[in-house]
Amino acid sequence: MTIIFGILAILLPVLVGSMVWKHFDRNYGRDDEVYINSLEHFLKKLGATLLSGVALLWIGMS
């Protein structure tokens, strides 16, 4: 049972991170192609993905 929970604690942040990455443009893209391709947007997207993944990993480890 512990192994199953460990695998779940590792895979859940990966799945949530990929969902955040895919749906970030729809929620925060402003429907502007130039803004979506900017470095500022990429860094915000990367930060949100890493923050959600690390937070879930931390919760899963505790």
N, C-alpha and C. Protein backbone atom coordinates (compact mmCIF):
# COMPACT_ATOMS: atom_id res chain seq x y z
N MET A 1 0.82 -1.19 0.00
CA MET A 1 0.00 0.00 0.00
C MET A 1 0.87 1.27 0.00
N THR A 2 1.96 1.21 0.74
CA THR A 2 2.86 2.36 0.80
C THR A 2 3.49 2.65 -0.57
N ILE A 3 3.80 1.59 -1.29
CA ILE A 3 4.39 1.76 -2.62
C ILE A 3 3.40 2.43 -3.56
N ILE A 4 2.15 2.04 -3.48
CA ILE A 4 1.11 2.63 -4.34
C ILE A 4 0.95 4.11 -4.02
N PHE A 5 0.92 4.45 -2.73
CA PHE A 5 0.80 5.86 -2.36
C PHE A 5 2.04 6.65 -2.77
N GLY A 6 3.21 6.04 -2.71
CA GLY A 6 4.44 6.70 -3.15
C GLY A 6 4.43 6.99 -4.64
N ILE A 7 3.99 6.02 -5.42
CA ILE A 7 3.89 6.22 -6.86
C ILE A 7 2.88 7.30 -7.18
N LEU A 8 1.75 7.29 -6.48
CA LEU A 8 0.72 8.32 -6.68
C LEU A 8 1.26 9.70 -6.30
N ALA A 9 2.03 9.77 -5.21
CA ALA A 9 2.57 11.06 -4.78
C ALA A 9 3.58 11.61 -5.78
N ILE A 10 4.20 10.74 -6.56
CA ILE A 10 5.15 11.19 -7.57
C ILE A 10 4.43 11.55 -8.87
N LEU A 11 3.45 10.75 -9.27
CA LEU A 11 2.79 10.96 -10.55
C LEU A 11 1.76 12.10 -10.53
N LEU A 12 1.12 12.32 -9.40
CA LEU A 12 0.09 13.36 -9.33
C LEU A 12 0.64 14.75 -9.65
N PRO A 13 1.78 15.17 -9.09
CA PRO A 13 2.32 16.49 -9.47
C PRO A 13 2.69 16.59 -10.94
N VAL A 14 3.14 15.50 -11.53
CA VAL A 14 3.48 15.52 -12.96
C VAL A 14 2.22 15.73 -13.79
N LEU A 15 1.15 15.02 -13.45
CA LEU A 15 -0.10 15.16 -14.19
C LEU A 15 -0.70 16.56 -14.02
N VAL A 16 -0.71 17.06 -12.80
CA VAL A 16 -1.27 18.39 -12.56
C VAL A 16 -0.41 19.46 -13.23
N GLY A 17 0.90 19.30 -13.19
CA GLY A 17 1.79 20.24 -13.87
C GLY A 17 1.55 20.29 -15.36
N SER A 18 1.34 19.13 -15.97
CA SER A 18 1.08 19.13 -17.42
C SER A 18 -0.28 19.73 -17.74
N MET A 19 -1.26 19.55 -16.86
CA MET A 19 -2.57 20.16 -17.09
C MET A 19 -2.49 21.68 -16.94
N VAL A 20 -1.73 22.15 -15.95
CA VAL A 20 -1.54 23.60 -15.78
C VAL A 20 -0.85 24.17 -17.01
N TRP A 21 0.16 23.47 -17.52
CA TRP A 21 0.91 23.94 -18.69
C TRP A 21 -0.01 24.04 -19.90
N LYS A 22 -0.87 23.04 -20.11
CA LYS A 22 -1.75 23.04 -21.28
C LYS A 22 -2.83 24.11 -21.19
N HIS A 23 -3.40 24.32 -20.02
CA HIS A 23 -4.55 25.21 -19.89
C HIS A 23 -4.18 26.63 -19.48
N PHE A 24 -2.91 26.92 -19.29
CA PHE A 24 -2.49 28.26 -18.88
C PHE A 24 -2.81 29.29 -19.94
N ASP A 25 -2.59 28.96 -21.21
CA ASP A 25 -2.83 29.92 -22.29
C ASP A 25 -4.31 30.28 -22.39
N ARG A 26 -5.18 29.32 -22.16
CA ARG A 26 -6.61 29.60 -22.25
C ARG A 26 -7.05 30.56 -21.15
N ASN A 27 -6.47 30.42 -19.96
CA ASN A 27 -6.89 31.25 -18.83
C ASN A 27 -6.17 32.60 -18.78
N TYR A 28 -4.90 32.64 -19.16
CA TYR A 28 -4.11 33.86 -19.01
C TYR A 28 -3.48 34.33 -20.30
N GLY A 29 -3.89 33.81 -21.43
CA GLY A 29 -3.26 34.16 -22.70
C GLY A 29 -3.71 35.47 -23.28
N ARG A 30 -4.82 36.00 -22.84
CA ARG A 30 -5.37 37.27 -23.31
C ARG A 30 -5.68 37.25 -24.80
N ASP A 31 -5.75 36.07 -25.41
CA ASP A 31 -6.04 35.93 -26.84
C ASP A 31 -5.13 36.80 -27.71
N ASP A 32 -3.91 36.97 -27.28
CA ASP A 32 -2.94 37.79 -28.01
C ASP A 32 -1.73 36.93 -28.35
N GLU A 33 -1.55 36.64 -29.62
CA GLU A 33 -0.49 35.74 -30.06
C GLU A 33 0.90 36.30 -29.72
N VAL A 34 1.06 37.60 -29.79
CA VAL A 34 2.37 38.20 -29.48
C VAL A 34 2.67 38.04 -28.00
N TYR A 35 1.66 38.25 -27.14
CA TYR A 35 1.88 38.10 -25.70
C TYR A 35 2.16 36.64 -25.34
N ILE A 36 1.45 35.71 -25.98
CA ILE A 36 1.65 34.29 -25.69
C ILE A 36 3.07 33.86 -26.04
N ASN A 37 3.65 34.44 -27.07
CA ASN A 37 5.01 34.08 -27.49
C ASN A 37 6.09 34.88 -26.77
N SER A 38 5.73 35.72 -25.80
CA SER A 38 6.72 36.54 -25.12
C SER A 38 7.40 35.77 -23.99
N LEU A 39 8.57 36.26 -23.60
CA LEU A 39 9.32 35.64 -22.51
C LEU A 39 8.58 35.80 -21.19
N GLU A 40 7.93 36.94 -20.99
CA GLU A 40 7.18 37.18 -19.75
C GLU A 40 6.10 36.12 -19.55
N HIS A 41 5.36 35.83 -20.60
CA HIS A 41 4.29 34.83 -20.52
C HIS A 41 4.88 33.44 -20.26
N PHE A 42 5.99 33.11 -20.93
CA PHE A 42 6.62 31.81 -20.73
C PHE A 42 7.10 31.64 -19.30
N LEU A 43 7.69 32.68 -18.72
CA LEU A 43 8.18 32.59 -17.34
C LEU A 43 7.03 32.46 -16.35
N LYS A 44 5.93 33.16 -16.60
CA LYS A 44 4.75 33.02 -15.73
C LYS A 44 4.19 31.61 -15.83
N LYS A 45 4.14 31.08 -17.04
CA LYS A 45 3.63 29.73 -17.27
C LYS A 45 4.53 28.70 -16.58
N LEU A 46 5.84 28.87 -16.72
CA LEU A 46 6.79 27.96 -16.09
C LEU A 46 6.70 28.04 -14.57
N GLY A 47 6.58 29.25 -14.04
CA GLY A 47 6.47 29.43 -12.59
C GLY A 47 5.20 28.82 -12.02
N ALA A 48 4.08 29.00 -12.70
CA ALA A 48 2.82 28.41 -12.23
C ALA A 48 2.87 26.90 -12.26
N THR A 49 3.49 26.36 -13.30
CA THR A 49 3.60 24.90 -13.41
C THR A 49 4.50 24.33 -12.32
N LEU A 50 5.64 24.95 -12.10
CA LEU A 50 6.55 24.47 -11.07
C LEU A 50 5.96 24.64 -9.67
N LEU A 51 5.29 25.74 -9.43
CA LEU A 51 4.69 25.98 -8.13
C LEU A 51 3.62 24.95 -7.81
N SER A 52 2.76 24.65 -8.77
CA SER A 52 1.71 23.66 -8.52
C SER A 52 2.31 22.26 -8.35
N GLY A 53 3.30 21.93 -9.15
CA GLY A 53 3.93 20.61 -9.03
C GLY A 53 4.66 20.42 -7.71
N VAL A 54 5.44 21.41 -7.30
CA VAL A 54 6.19 21.32 -6.05
C VAL A 54 5.24 21.31 -4.86
N ALA A 55 4.18 22.10 -4.91
CA ALA A 55 3.22 22.12 -3.80
C ALA A 55 2.56 20.76 -3.63
N LEU A 56 2.15 20.15 -4.73
CA LEU A 56 1.53 18.83 -4.63
C LEU A 56 2.54 17.77 -4.21
N LEU A 57 3.76 17.87 -4.66
CA LEU A 57 4.79 16.93 -4.24
C LEU A 57 5.06 17.06 -2.75
N TRP A 58 5.08 18.28 -2.25
CA TRP A 58 5.30 18.52 -0.83
C TRP A 58 4.15 17.95 0.00
N ILE A 59 2.92 18.17 -0.46
CA ILE A 59 1.76 17.61 0.24
C ILE A 59 1.80 16.09 0.20
N GLY A 60 2.19 15.53 -0.93
CA GLY A 60 2.26 14.07 -1.04
C GLY A 60 3.34 13.46 -0.16
N MET A 61 4.42 14.19 0.08
CA MET A 61 5.49 13.65 0.91
C MET A 61 5.18 13.76 2.40
N SER A 62 4.30 14.65 2.77
CA SER A 62 4.01 14.82 4.20
C SER A 62 2.93 13.89 4.69
